[in-house]
Amino acid sequence: MREGAKGQRAAGRGQRDKGVKGQRDKGSMAIMMDSANKASFEAATCSRQFPPAAVCPRPAACCRLPAALCLLLLLVLAGTSKAAPQNQPAPVLSPQAAGLFNSAVDAFRTGNLDQAIARMRQADRSQPGHPEVQLYLGLFLYEKANENPEAQALLESALTRYPTHPDLPLKLMNSYLLTGRQEKVSNLLTTIRPRMESDPRFAFNVIYTLVYRDQPVLAKNELDAHSKRLQGEVQFLGGLIAAKSGRVEESAGLLQAARQNGFPPAGSRETAVLADALFQLNQFKPASEAYEAYLARFGPDEKILFRAGLSYYAFGDFRKAREAFEALLLRNPKAPEANYYLGSVFIELKQMDAAEKHLEVELAVDPQSYRAMTKMAYLRYLSGDNEQCSTWLEKCLALNPDWFEAHFVRGLLQSRSGEYQQATASFGKAIEQEPGYPKAYYHLAMAYKRLGQDQKAAETLQAHEKLQGDQTAKALEALGMADKPVATRQEQ
């Protein structure tokens, strides 16, 4: 679990070093850091590598300053360190601009805010529009006067480039609230909501800011939404635990409740975990939707494409199943079992030549694929080549005598030859190995009918109709009754 609501209200006491002039951050009550963030801030301030050609000449200078000023420096200067991997990299500063940049930072560290602003303006004139220069200029101007409209404009521009900066959004919101720009506050909340959904600590900081600036309605709305998300995550974890423990109904209920509470957030990485859990529960349609959302957000991933294809195949969306397996094979032409399943999809789409092509590729990759051999036997059965069908079945059953689909196809071949008694034994063997396979019941009923055993035929057909009406059974049939479970991402 992520950090909870605990945290240090590190900047919330209004204590600032006397050497730093001007109005202080009136919204600093809302800028709260947990211990991990605070440690990273200290490291960033004392050893941060500034843009190329701009290395801080006194890396430990801030550690000798009074505690209050060090805290202010932590809040202002550390932002890009922790978030840098997620933010857009800034271009290299020229030597002149880098020198001015460092000089401005040094002035700020020694408590001379006016000089820090003046030097950062010089850096901006030396290299106009440099994003990091403008970020720090905006932060320095904000420290001078929270309501400063130029600071607002600079911070607005910086937010698009540094979306994960620890406190930039909070300072910007505080400035909007001080100047009565309610529409800007609403727009900012919309912009930062994905971050709030994925970072509970940040979400609480936003709510603290709204409370401090007398915005009880907005604060209540955000608190309710955040509480719902947290409850959803608890339910989500409970559902995963229940699934791992074999408590299927409990797991399904908790995962459904979690989704109703908005967890996992759309397009989050937890979406793949949800999809895997739903797949394990045979809930193939919602699993496919979750896989689809993950792929839309994070792009192609071989494991996710494979499982998405299985899910589409399972509930009969063969067009999307084809697209998923083809996308996978485009990335990895020898992906295990991908050609087998794509061949199976083409059989369902009645494109037998394409099916045979992919099954042959699967057998070239894995000559021991008894499942692909069974599909080849079925294609030979459909084409009327009984001899080749029988040959493929013998190869398959030599590798796996209990493979249910091979017994099913053998039953079809025996029925075609009028060997109905033998066919009932083959279909019965298929049902014994896979009791949820509807087609086996149907063809067994037909064999009984041709043998004149009407009572058995009626009972078997009734079992077929019951299975055929069950969505999970249909899905398992479409999947080919995979003989091994799909591992979750954590297990692989």
Foldseek 3Di string as FASTA:
>chain_A
DADDQDFALLQQPPDADPLADADAQLLSSLQTHHPVLLVQLLCCQQANQDAPLQGQPHSHLLVPDDPRLNSVSSQQRRFCPVQVVVFDDWDGQDNVLSPLQNVLSVCSSVNNLVSSLVSLVVSCVVPPPGLVSLSNNLSSVCRRPLQDVSSLVSLVVNCVRRVRGSCSLVSNLLNCLVVVVVVVNVVSCVVCVVVCLVHVNSLSSNLSSCVSSVNVVVSVVSVVLSVLQVQLVVLQVVLVVCLVVVVLVSNVVSNVSSVVSCPPPQQDPCLQVSLQSCVSSLVLPVSLVSLVSPCVNPNDDLVSLQSNLLSCLLQPVLVSNLVSLVVNCVVPVLPQCSLVLNLLSVVVVVNNVSSLVSLVVNCVSPVLPLSSLLVVLVSCVVVVNLVSSVVSLVSSCVSPVQLLSSLQSVLVSCVVVVNLVSSLVSLVSSCVSPVLALVSLQSNLVSCVVVVNNVSSVVSVVSSVVSVPDSSSSSCNSSSVDPDRDDRPVVD
